[in-house]
Amino acid sequence: MNNQDLKKSQVVIADDDSREILSFLLHEEGWDVIEAKDGKEALEKVVKYQPHLLILDNRMPEIAGVEVYQYLQTKGINLAIVFATAYGYPEDLVLSLGISHWVTN
């Protein structure tokens, strides 16, 4: 994706702690950024704006990131999702969710 494409792309950042810095960085790169402070707000904004990308923290108030992911899957809402969390996922969990690629620290 080149910079012209990014200017037309929307991203929802769902994170209760570090969404402001992520928002700033992605906005500087040309993304149309929509912030969500918790999982409930993330679901509302994904449905409303239909973004190209969702950056999703797992540990959030209201609804956890994994639950947001599962809900989107059951509703057939397909978009690129990046889990951004300080907590690692056990291999069994990511495989059970159908996630084929992940990074741990």
PDB file of N, CA and C in Angstrom:
ATOM      1  N   MET A   1       0.864  -1.168   0.000  1.00  0.00           N
ATOM      2  CA  MET A   1       0.000   0.000   0.000  1.00  0.00           C
ATOM      3  C   MET A   1       0.906   1.225   0.000  1.00  0.00           C
ATOM      4  N   ASN A   2       0.684   2.138  -0.944  1.00  0.00           N
ATOM      5  CA  ASN A   2       1.507   3.350  -0.980  1.00  0.00           C
ATOM      6  C   ASN A   2       0.849   4.485  -0.205  1.00  0.00           C
ATOM      7  N   ASN A   3       1.532   5.611  -0.090  1.00  0.00           N
ATOM      8  CA  ASN A   3       1.015   6.733   0.702  1.00  0.00           C
ATOM      9  C   ASN A   3      -0.311   7.264   0.168  1.00  0.00           C
ATOM     10  N   GLN A   4      -0.543   7.226  -1.141  1.00  0.00           N
ATOM     11  CA  GLN A   4      -1.824   7.672  -1.701  1.00  0.00           C
ATOM     12  C   GLN A   4      -2.956   6.791  -1.188  1.00  0.00           C
ATOM     13  N   ASP A   5      -2.738   5.475  -1.160  1.00  0.00           N
ATOM     14  CA  ASP A   5      -3.761   4.555  -0.664  1.00  0.00           C
ATOM     15  C   ASP A   5      -4.030   4.779   0.820  1.00  0.00           C
ATOM     16  N   LEU A   6      -2.967   5.050   1.589  1.00  0.00           N
ATOM     17  CA  LEU A   6      -3.130   5.252   3.021  1.00  0.00           C
ATOM     18  C   LEU A   6      -3.997   6.465   3.325  1.00  0.00           C
ATOM     19  N   LYS A   7      -3.932   7.485   2.500  1.00  0.00           N
ATOM     20  CA  LYS A   7      -4.718   8.685   2.748  1.00  0.00           C
ATOM     21  C   LYS A   7      -6.209   8.405   2.669  1.00  0.00           C
ATOM     22  N   LYS A   8      -6.576   7.336   2.013  1.00  0.00           N
ATOM     23  CA  LYS A   8      -7.975   6.970   1.889  1.00  0.00           C
ATOM     24  C   LYS A   8      -8.370   5.885   2.889  1.00  0.00           C
ATOM     25  N   SER A   9      -7.422   5.408   3.672  1.00  0.00           N
ATOM     26  CA  SER A   9      -7.660   4.266   4.544  1.00  0.00           C
ATOM     27  C   SER A   9      -8.004   4.692   5.958  1.00  0.00           C
ATOM     28  N   GLN A  10      -8.971   3.990   6.530  1.00  0.00           N
ATOM     29  CA  GLN A  10      -9.381   4.254   7.909  1.00  0.00           C
ATOM     30  C   GLN A  10      -8.880   3.145   8.818  1.00  0.00           C
ATOM     31  N   VAL A  11      -8.515   3.541  10.026  1.00  0.00           N
ATOM     32  CA  VAL A  11      -8.112   2.595  11.043  1.00  0.00           C
ATOM     33  C   VAL A  11      -8.832   2.940  12.335  1.00  0.00           C
ATOM     34  N   VAL A  12      -9.345   1.910  13.015  1.00  0.00           N
ATOM     35  CA  VAL A  12      -9.879   2.089  14.366  1.00  0.00           C
ATOM     36  C   VAL A  12      -8.810   1.572  15.321  1.00  0.00           C
ATOM     37  N   ILE A  13      -8.435   2.409  16.282  1.00  0.00           N
ATOM     38  CA  ILE A  13      -7.484   2.013  17.310  1.00  0.00           C
ATOM     39  C   ILE A  13      -8.263   1.838  18.605  1.00  0.00           C
ATOM     40  N   ALA A  14      -8.330   0.602  19.077  1.00  0.00           N
ATOM     41  CA  ALA A  14      -9.069   0.280  20.297  1.00  0.00           C
ATOM     42  C   ALA A  14      -8.066  -0.102  21.374  1.00  0.00           C
ATOM     43  N   ASP A  15      -7.804   0.846  22.254  1.00  0.00           N
ATOM     44  CA  ASP A  15      -6.815   0.634  23.307  1.00  0.00           C
ATOM     45  C   ASP A  15      -7.110   1.615  24.427  1.00  0.00           C
ATOM     46  N   ASP A  16      -7.142   1.125  25.645  1.00  0.00           N
ATOM     47  CA  ASP A  16      -7.447   2.005  26.769  1.00  0.00           C
ATOM     48  C   ASP A  16      -6.226   2.747  27.283  1.00  0.00           C
ATOM     49  N   ASP A  17      -5.024   2.369  26.857  1.00  0.00           N
ATOM     50  CA  ASP A  17      -3.820   2.996  27.383  1.00  0.00           C
ATOM     51  C   ASP A  17      -3.022   3.820  26.374  1.00  0.00           C
ATOM     52  N   SER A  18      -2.712   3.255  25.227  1.00  0.00           N
ATOM     53  CA  SER A  18      -1.762   3.908  24.321  1.00  0.00           C
ATOM     54  C   SER A  18      -2.341   4.312  22.970  1.00  0.00           C
ATOM     55  N   ARG A  19      -3.642   4.494  22.895  1.00  0.00           N
ATOM     56  CA  ARG A  19      -4.236   4.823  21.596  1.00  0.00           C
ATOM     57  C   ARG A  19      -3.825   6.205  21.096  1.00  0.00           C
ATOM     58  N   GLU A  20      -3.534   7.136  22.002  1.00  0.00           N
ATOM     59  CA  GLU A  20      -3.195   8.488  21.571  1.00  0.00           C
ATOM     60  C   GLU A  20      -1.898   8.512  20.769  1.00  0.00           C
ATOM     61  N   ILE A  21      -0.874   7.815  21.233  1.00  0.00           N
ATOM     62  CA  ILE A  21       0.400   7.797  20.513  1.00  0.00           C
ATOM     63  C   ILE A  21       0.270   7.052  19.188  1.00  0.00           C
ATOM     64  N   LEU A  22      -0.453   5.934  19.198  1.00  0.00           N
ATOM     65  CA  LEU A  22      -0.693   5.210  17.947  1.00  0.00           C
ATOM     66  C   LEU A  22      -1.476   6.070  16.966  1.00  0.00           C
ATOM     67  N   SER A  23      -2.463   6.770  17.480  1.00  0.00           N
ATOM     68  CA  SER A  23      -3.268   7.657  16.644  1.00  0.00           C
ATOM     69  C   SER A  23      -2.395   8.724  16.000  1.00  0.00           C
ATOM     70  N   PHE A  24      -1.561   9.343  16.794  1.00  0.00           N
ATOM     71  CA  PHE A  24      -0.672  10.387  16.279  1.00  0.00           C
ATOM     72  C   PHE A  24       0.237   9.842  15.184  1.00  0.00           C
ATOM     73  N   LEU A  25       0.877   8.709  15.449  1.00  0.00           N
ATOM     74  CA  LEU A  25       1.816   8.138  14.483  1.00  0.00           C
ATOM     75  C   LEU A  25       1.133   7.748  13.170  1.00  0.00           C
ATOM     76  N   LEU A  26      -0.023   7.103  13.260  1.00  0.00           N
ATOM     77  CA  LEU A  26      -0.722   6.694  12.037  1.00  0.00           C
ATOM     78  C   LEU A  26      -1.304   7.889  11.281  1.00  0.00           C
ATOM     79  N   HIS A  27      -1.780   8.872  12.014  1.00  0.00           N
ATOM     80  CA  HIS A  27      -2.279  10.089  11.364  1.00  0.00           C
ATOM     81  C   HIS A  27      -1.154  10.776  10.579  1.00  0.00           C
ATOM     82  N   GLU A  28       0.023  10.808  11.160  1.00  0.00           N
ATOM     83  CA  GLU A  28       1.183  11.393  10.484  1.00  0.00           C
ATOM     84  C   GLU A  28       1.532  10.653   9.198  1.00  0.00           C
ATOM     85  N   GLU A  29       1.188   9.385   9.134  1.00  0.00           N
ATOM     86  CA  GLU A  29       1.450   8.568   7.943  1.00  0.00           C
ATOM     87  C   GLU A  29       0.305   8.600   6.935  1.00  0.00           C
ATOM     88  N   GLY A  30      -0.742   9.378   7.222  1.00  0.00           N
ATOM     89  CA  GLY A  30      -1.814   9.552   6.259  1.00  0.00           C
ATOM     90  C   GLY A  30      -3.087   8.765   6.522  1.00  0.00           C
ATOM     91  N   TRP A  31      -3.137   8.016   7.610  1.00  0.00           N
ATOM     92  CA  TRP A  31      -4.336   7.254   7.927  1.00  0.00           C
ATOM     93  C   TRP A  31      -5.418   8.159   8.489  1.00  0.00           C
ATOM     94  N   ASP A  32      -6.663   7.837   8.218  1.00  0.00           N
ATOM     95  CA  ASP A  32      -7.819   8.467   8.848  1.00  0.00           C
ATOM     96  C   ASP A  32      -8.078   7.655  10.113  1.00  0.00           C
ATOM     97  N   VAL A  33      -7.758   8.220  11.274  1.00  0.00           N
ATOM     98  CA  VAL A  33      -7.759   7.486  12.533  1.00  0.00           C
ATOM     99  C   VAL A  33      -9.039   7.730  13.324  1.00  0.00           C
ATOM    100  N   ILE A  34      -9.616   6.642  13.817  1.00  0.00           N
ATOM    101  CA  ILE A  34     -10.791   6.688  14.679  1.00  0.00           C
ATOM    102  C   ILE A  34     -10.407   5.975  15.975  1.00  0.00           C
ATOM    103  N   GLU A  35     -10.593   6.634  17.105  1.00  0.00           N
ATOM    104  CA  GLU A  35     -10.183   6.057  18.392  1.00  0.00           C
ATOM    105  C   GLU A  35     -11.368   5.445  19.132  1.00  0.00           C
ATOM    106  N   ALA A  36     -11.071   4.368  19.866  1.00  0.00           N
ATOM    107  CA  ALA A  36     -12.050   3.717  20.740  1.00  0.00           C
ATOM    108  C   ALA A  36     -11.360   3.423  22.065  1.00  0.00           C
ATOM    109  N   LYS A  37     -12.002   3.798  23.161  1.00  0.00           N
ATOM    110  CA  LYS A  37     -11.385   3.653  24.484  1.00  0.00           C
ATOM    111  C   LYS A  37     -11.601   2.289  25.125  1.00  0.00           C
ATOM    112  N   ASP A  38     -12.509   1.486  24.549  1.00  0.00           N
ATOM    113  CA  ASP A  38     -12.776   0.160  25.099  1.00  0.00           C
ATOM    114  C   ASP A  38     -13.359  -0.735  24.008  1.00  0.00           C
ATOM    115  N   GLY A  39     -13.575  -2.006  24.353  1.00  0.00           N
ATOM    116  CA  GLY A  39     -14.074  -2.961  23.374  1.00  0.00           C
ATOM    117  C   GLY A  39     -15.467  -2.656  22.863  1.00  0.00           C
ATOM    118  N   LYS A  40     -16.327  -2.165  23.725  1.00  0.00           N
ATOM    119  CA  LYS A  40     -17.690  -1.823  23.314  1.00  0.00           C
ATOM    120  C   LYS A  40     -17.671  -0.715  22.264  1.00  0.00           C
ATOM    121  N   GLU A  41     -16.901   0.315  22.530  1.00  0.00           N
ATOM    122  CA  GLU A  41     -16.790   1.425  21.577  1.00  0.00           C
ATOM    123  C   GLU A  41     -16.113   0.966  20.280  1.00  0.00           C
ATOM    124  N   ALA A  42     -15.176   0.047  20.381  1.00  0.00           N
ATOM    125  CA  ALA A  42     -14.520  -0.491  19.184  1.00  0.00           C
ATOM    126  C   ALA A  42     -15.536  -1.155  18.268  1.00  0.00           C
ATOM    127  N   LEU A  43     -16.408  -1.991  18.843  1.00  0.00           N
ATOM    128  CA  LEU A  43     -17.434  -2.652  18.034  1.00  0.00           C
ATOM    129  C   LEU A  43     -18.353  -1.633  17.361  1.00  0.00           C
ATOM    130  N   GLU A  44     -18.779  -0.650  18.119  1.00  0.00           N
ATOM    131  CA  GLU A  44     -19.666   0.374  17.565  1.00  0.00           C
ATOM    132  C   GLU A  44     -19.006   1.095  16.390  1.00  0.00           C
ATOM    133  N   LYS A  45     -17.738   1.444  16.544  1.00  0.00           N
ATOM    134  CA  LYS A  45     -17.053   2.211  15.500  1.00  0.00           C
ATOM    135  C   LYS A  45     -16.697   1.361  14.287  1.00  0.00           C
ATOM    136  N   VAL A  46     -16.397   0.089  14.494  1.00  0.00           N
ATOM    137  CA  VAL A  46     -16.135  -0.783  13.349  1.00  0.00           C
ATOM    138  C   VAL A  46     -17.399  -0.939  12.516  1.00  0.00           C
ATOM    139  N   VAL A  47     -18.529  -1.138  13.173  1.00  0.00           N
ATOM    140  CA  VAL A  47     -19.797  -1.285  12.453  1.00  0.00           C
ATOM    141  C   VAL A  47     -20.159   0.013  11.739  1.00  0.00           C
ATOM    142  N   LYS A  48     -19.987   1.133  12.402  1.00  0.00           N
ATOM    143  CA  LYS A  48     -20.373   2.423  11.835  1.00  0.00           C
ATOM    144  C   LYS A  48     -19.475   2.855  10.680  1.00  0.00           C
ATOM    145  N   TYR A  49     -18.149   2.744  10.853  1.00  0.00           N
ATOM    146  CA  TYR A  49     -17.213   3.297   9.870  1.00  0.00           C
ATOM    147  C   TYR A  49     -16.654   2.282   8.881  1.00  0.00           C
ATOM    148  N   GLN A  50     -16.762   0.998   9.173  1.00  0.00           N
ATOM    149  CA  GLN A  50     -16.229  -0.064   8.316  1.00  0.00           C
ATOM    150  C   GLN A  50     -14.788   0.242   7.879  1.00  0.00           C
ATOM    151  N   PRO A  51     -13.865   0.306   8.847  1.00  0.00           N
ATOM    152  CA  PRO A  51     -12.482   0.663   8.534  1.00  0.00           C
ATOM    153  C   PRO A  51     -11.746  -0.447   7.797  1.00  0.00           C
ATOM    154  N   HIS A  52     -10.582  -0.104   7.280  1.00  0.00           N
ATOM    155  CA  HIS A  52      -9.729  -1.080   6.607  1.00  0.00           C
ATOM    156  C   HIS A  52      -8.917  -1.894   7.605  1.00  0.00           C
ATOM    157  N   LEU A  53      -8.678  -1.308   8.797  1.00  0.00           N
ATOM    158  CA  LEU A  53      -7.798  -1.920   9.781  1.00  0.00           C
ATOM    159  C   LEU A  53      -8.329  -1.650  11.184  1.00  0.00           C
ATOM    160  N   LEU A  54      -8.161  -2.634  12.066  1.00  0.00           N
ATOM    161  CA  LEU A  54      -8.486  -2.489  13.480  1.00  0.00           C
ATOM    162  C   LEU A  54      -7.247  -2.866  14.273  1.00  0.00           C
ATOM    163  N   ILE A  55      -6.747  -1.926  15.072  1.00  0.00           N
ATOM    164  CA  ILE A  55      -5.666  -2.220  16.005  1.00  0.00           C
ATOM    165  C   ILE A  55      -6.334  -2.416  17.348  1.00  0.00           C
ATOM    166  N   LEU A  56      -6.161  -3.600  17.912  1.00  0.00           N
ATOM    167  CA  LEU A  56      -6.994  -4.048  19.013  1.00  0.00           C
ATOM    168  C   LEU A  56      -6.170  -4.530  20.196  1.00  0.00           C
ATOM    169  N   ASP A  57      -6.326  -3.849  21.321  1.00  0.00           N
ATOM    170  CA  ASP A  57      -5.731  -4.304  22.567  1.00  0.00           C
ATOM    171  C   ASP A  57      -6.616  -5.416  23.114  1.00  0.00           C
ATOM    172  N   ASN A  58      -6.041  -6.372  23.814  1.00  0.00           N
ATOM    173  CA  ASN A  58      -6.871  -7.439  24.366  1.00  0.00           C
ATOM    174  C   ASN A  58      -7.446  -7.070  25.720  1.00  0.00           C
ATOM    175  N   ARG A  59      -6.662  -6.458  26.572  1.00  0.00           N
ATOM    176  CA  ARG A  59      -7.129  -6.118  27.916  1.00  0.00           C
ATOM    177  C   ARG A  59      -7.666  -4.693  27.929  1.00  0.00           C
ATOM    178  N   MET A  60      -8.996  -4.616  27.824  1.00  0.00           N
ATOM    179  CA  MET A  60      -9.685  -3.326  27.815  1.00  0.00           C
ATOM    180  C   MET A  60     -10.936  -3.421  28.669  1.00  0.00           C
ATOM    181  N   PRO A  61     -11.431  -2.260  29.118  1.00  0.00           N
ATOM    182  CA  PRO A  61     -12.709  -2.254  29.848  1.00  0.00           C
ATOM    183  C   PRO A  61     -13.866  -2.672  28.934  1.00  0.00           C
ATOM    184  N   GLU A  62     -14.949  -3.043  29.543  1.00  0.00           N
ATOM    185  CA  GLU A  62     -16.204  -3.398  28.861  1.00  0.00           C
ATOM    186  C   GLU A  62     -16.121  -4.755  28.167  1.00  0.00           C
ATOM    187  N   ILE A  63     -15.381  -4.836  27.067  1.00  0.00           N
ATOM    188  CA  ILE A  63     -15.283  -6.066  26.282  1.00  0.00           C
ATOM    189  C   ILE A  63     -13.815  -6.273  25.915  1.00  0.00           C
ATOM    190  N   ALA A  64     -13.288  -7.455  26.165  1.00  0.00           N
ATOM    191  CA  ALA A  64     -11.894  -7.765  25.839  1.00  0.00           C
ATOM    192  C   ALA A  64     -11.696  -7.846  24.329  1.00  0.00           C
ATOM    193  N   GLY A  65     -10.464  -7.632  23.909  1.00  0.00           N
ATOM    194  CA  GLY A  65     -10.134  -7.686  22.484  1.00  0.00           C
ATOM    195  C   GLY A  65     -10.482  -9.007  21.836  1.00  0.00           C
ATOM    196  N   VAL A  66     -10.243 -10.120  22.526  1.00  0.00           N
ATOM    197  CA  VAL A  66     -10.578 -11.433  21.978  1.00  0.00           C
ATOM    198  C   VAL A  66     -12.081 -11.540  21.729  1.00  0.00           C
ATOM    199  N   GLU A  67     -12.879 -10.997  22.640  1.00  0.00           N
ATOM    200  CA  GLU A  67     -14.332 -11.027  22.458  1.00  0.00           C
ATOM    201  C   GLU A  67     -14.762 -10.146  21.285  1.00  0.00           C
ATOM    202  N   VAL A  68     -14.103  -9.012  21.107  1.00  0.00           N
ATOM    203  CA  VAL A  68     -14.379  -8.156  19.951  1.00  0.00           C
ATOM    204  C   VAL A  68     -14.079  -8.934  18.676  1.00  0.00           C
ATOM    205  N   TYR A  69     -12.923  -9.566  18.637  1.00  0.00           N
ATOM    206  CA  TYR A  69     -12.517 -10.365  17.480  1.00  0.00           C
ATOM    207  C   TYR A  69     -13.545 -11.459  17.181  1.00  0.00           C
ATOM    208  N   GLN A  70     -13.950 -12.196  18.212  1.00  0.00           N
ATOM    209  CA  GLN A  70     -14.904 -13.287  18.018  1.00  0.00           C
ATOM    210  C   GLN A  70     -16.251 -12.769  17.525  1.00  0.00           C
ATOM    211  N   TYR A  71     -16.708 -11.651  18.053  1.00  0.00           N
ATOM    212  CA  TYR A  71     -17.975 -11.078  17.617  1.00  0.00           C
ATOM    213  C   TYR A  71     -17.903 -10.696  16.131  1.00  0.00           C
ATOM    214  N   LEU A  72     -16.835 -10.030  15.735  1.00  0.00           N
ATOM    215  CA  LEU A  72     -16.680  -9.633  14.334  1.00  0.00           C
ATOM    216  C   LEU A  72     -16.679 -10.852  13.420  1.00  0.00           C
ATOM    217  N   GLN A  73     -16.024 -11.917  13.857  1.00  0.00           N
ATOM    218  CA  GLN A  73     -15.986 -13.139  13.056  1.00  0.00           C
ATOM    219  C   GLN A  73     -17.379 -13.753  12.910  1.00  0.00           C
ATOM    220  N   THR A  74     -18.149 -13.802  14.003  1.00  0.00           N
ATOM    221  CA  THR A  74     -19.482 -14.404  13.929  1.00  0.00           C
ATOM    222  C   THR A  74     -20.428 -13.591  13.061  1.00  0.00           C
ATOM    223  N   LYS A  75     -20.193 -12.290  12.969  1.00  0.00           N
ATOM    224  CA  LYS A  75     -21.036 -11.417  12.144  1.00  0.00           C
ATOM    225  C   LYS A  75     -20.541 -11.321  10.704  1.00  0.00           C
ATOM    226  N   GLY A  76     -19.448 -12.001  10.392  1.00  0.00           N
ATOM    227  CA  GLY A  76     -18.909 -11.979   9.033  1.00  0.00           C
ATOM    228  C   GLY A  76     -18.256 -10.666   8.664  1.00  0.00           C
ATOM    229  N   ILE A  77     -17.843  -9.905   9.662  1.00  0.00           N
ATOM    230  CA  ILE A  77     -17.174  -8.628   9.402  1.00  0.00           C
ATOM    231  C   ILE A  77     -15.688  -8.917   9.285  1.00  0.00           C
ATOM    232  N   ASN A  78     -15.192  -8.850   8.070  1.00  0.00           N
ATOM    233  CA  ASN A  78     -13.800  -9.175   7.800  1.00  0.00           C
ATOM    234  C   ASN A  78     -13.006  -7.907   7.526  1.00  0.00           C
ATOM    235  N   LEU A  79     -11.978  -7.715   8.310  1.00  0.00           N
ATOM    236  CA  LEU A  79     -11.053  -6.616   8.109  1.00  0.00           C
ATOM    237  C   LEU A  79      -9.725  -7.039   8.702  1.00  0.00           C
ATOM    238  N   ALA A  80      -8.682  -6.342   8.345  1.00  0.00           N
ATOM    239  CA  ALA A  80      -7.367  -6.650   8.912  1.00  0.00           C
ATOM    240  C   ALA A  80      -7.381  -6.248  10.383  1.00  0.00           C
ATOM    241  N   ILE A  81      -6.912  -7.163  11.241  1.00  0.00           N
ATOM    242  CA  ILE A  81      -6.873  -6.900  12.673  1.00  0.00           C
ATOM    243  C   ILE A  81      -5.465  -7.169  13.179  1.00  0.00           C
ATOM    244  N   VAL A  82      -4.951  -6.206  13.929  1.00  0.00           N
ATOM    245  CA  VAL A  82      -3.663  -6.359  14.598  1.00  0.00           C
ATOM    246  C   VAL A  82      -3.925  -6.330  16.094  1.00  0.00           C
ATOM    247  N   PHE A  83      -3.576  -7.421  16.780  1.00  0.00           N
ATOM    248  CA  PHE A  83      -3.660  -7.424  18.236  1.00  0.00           C
ATOM    249  C   PHE A  83      -2.398  -6.752  18.760  1.00  0.00           C
ATOM    250  N   ALA A  84      -2.579  -5.685  19.509  1.00  0.00           N
ATOM    251  CA  ALA A  84      -1.454  -4.955  20.092  1.00  0.00           C
ATOM    252  C   ALA A  84      -1.622  -5.006  21.597  1.00  0.00           C
ATOM    253  N   THR A  85      -0.874  -5.884  22.227  1.00  0.00           N
ATOM    254  CA  THR A  85      -1.026  -6.057  23.665  1.00  0.00           C
ATOM    255  C   THR A  85       0.307  -6.375  24.304  1.00  0.00           C
ATOM    256  N   ALA A  86       0.437  -6.011  25.542  1.00  0.00           N
ATOM    257  CA  ALA A  86       1.662  -6.300  26.288  1.00  0.00           C
ATOM    258  C   ALA A  86       1.659  -7.723  26.829  1.00  0.00           C
ATOM    259  N   TYR A  87       0.539  -8.405  26.705  1.00  0.00           N
ATOM    260  CA  TYR A  87       0.403  -9.746  27.245  1.00  0.00           C
ATOM    261  C   TYR A  87       0.439 -10.758  26.112  1.00  0.00           C
ATOM    262  N   GLY A  88       1.297 -11.761  26.228  1.00  0.00           N
ATOM    263  CA  GLY A  88       1.421 -12.773  25.192  1.00  0.00           C
ATOM    264  C   GLY A  88       0.220 -13.697  25.152  1.00  0.00           C
ATOM    265  N   TYR A  89       0.004 -14.322  24.013  1.00  0.00           N
ATOM    266  CA  TYR A  89      -1.074 -15.288  23.841  1.00  0.00           C
ATOM    267  C   TYR A  89      -0.497 -16.692  23.843  1.00  0.00           C
ATOM    268  N   PRO A  90      -1.089 -17.569  24.593  1.00  0.00           N
ATOM    269  CA  PRO A  90      -0.677 -18.975  24.477  1.00  0.00           C
ATOM    270  C   PRO A  90      -1.036 -19.480  23.076  1.00  0.00           C
ATOM    271  N   GLU A  91      -0.199 -20.337  22.561  1.00  0.00           N
ATOM    272  CA  GLU A  91      -0.412 -20.842  21.205  1.00  0.00           C
ATOM    273  C   GLU A  91      -1.782 -21.470  21.023  1.00  0.00           C
ATOM    274  N   ASP A  92      -2.264 -22.203  22.002  1.00  0.00           N
ATOM    275  CA  ASP A  92      -3.576 -22.858  21.886  1.00  0.00           C
ATOM    276  C   ASP A  92      -4.696 -21.836  21.671  1.00  0.00           C
ATOM    277  N   LEU A  93      -4.618 -20.686  22.355  1.00  0.00           N
ATOM    278  CA  LEU A  93      -5.653 -19.675  22.214  1.00  0.00           C
ATOM    279  C   LEU A  93      -5.662 -19.079  20.812  1.00  0.00           C
ATOM    280  N   VAL A  94      -4.505 -18.661  20.310  1.00  0.00           N
ATOM    281  CA  VAL A  94      -4.491 -18.036  18.988  1.00  0.00           C
ATOM    282  C   VAL A  94      -4.912 -19.022  17.913  1.00  0.00           C
ATOM    283  N   LEU A  95      -4.506 -20.255  18.046  1.00  0.00           N
ATOM    284  CA  LEU A  95      -4.925 -21.256  17.058  1.00  0.00           C
ATOM    285  C   LEU A  95      -6.423 -21.519  17.134  1.00  0.00           C
ATOM    286  N   SER A  96      -6.985 -21.526  18.345  1.00  0.00           N
ATOM    287  CA  SER A  96      -8.426 -21.754  18.481  1.00  0.00           C
ATOM    288  C   SER A  96      -9.239 -20.604  17.903  1.00  0.00           C
ATOM    289  N   LEU A  97      -8.651 -19.424  17.845  1.00  0.00           N
ATOM    290  CA  LEU A  97      -9.325 -18.272  17.260  1.00  0.00           C
ATOM    291  C   LEU A  97      -9.175 -18.214  15.745  1.00  0.00           C
ATOM    292  N   GLY A  98      -8.336 -19.071  15.198  1.00  0.00           N
ATOM    293  CA  GLY A  98      -8.097 -19.068  13.759  1.00  0.00           C
ATOM    294  C   GLY A  98      -7.072 -18.050  13.333  1.00  0.00           C
ATOM    295  N   ILE A  99      -6.267 -17.587  14.273  1.00  0.00           N
ATOM    296  CA  ILE A  99      -5.223 -16.613  13.950  1.00  0.00           C
ATOM    297  C   ILE A  99      -4.010 -17.384  13.453  1.00  0.00           C
ATOM    298  N   SER A 100      -3.542 -17.047  12.260  1.00  0.00           N
ATOM    299  CA  SER A 100      -2.462 -17.818  11.669  1.00  0.00           C
ATOM    300  C   SER A 100      -1.083 -17.202  11.895  1.00  0.00           C
ATOM    301  N   HIS A 101      -1.010 -15.922  12.235  1.00  0.00           N
ATOM    302  CA  HIS A 101       0.271 -15.265  12.460  1.00  0.00           C
ATOM    303  C   HIS A 101       0.214 -14.433  13.727  1.00  0.00           C
ATOM    304  N   TRP A 102       1.257 -14.501  14.524  1.00  0.00           N
ATOM    305  CA  TRP A 102       1.325 -13.691  15.721  1.00  0.00           C
ATOM    306  C   TRP A 102       2.775 -13.475  16.100  1.00  0.00           C
ATOM    307  N   VAL A 103       2.986 -12.463  16.908  1.00  0.00           N
ATOM    308  CA  VAL A 103       4.324 -12.132  17.381  1.00  0.00           C
ATOM    309  C   VAL A 103       4.283 -12.084  18.896  1.00  0.00           C
ATOM    310  N   THR A 104       5.249 -12.678  19.519  1.00  0.00           N
ATOM    311  CA  THR A 104       5.369 -12.571  20.975  1.00  0.00           C
ATOM    312  C   THR A 104       6.711 -11.931  21.289  1.00  0.00           C
ATOM    313  N   ASN A 105       6.841 -11.444  22.520  1.00  0.00           N
ATOM    314  CA  ASN A 105       8.109 -10.828  22.898  1.00  0.00           C
ATOM    315  C   ASN A 105       8.945 -11.777  23.705  1.00  0.00           C
TER     316      ASN A 105
END
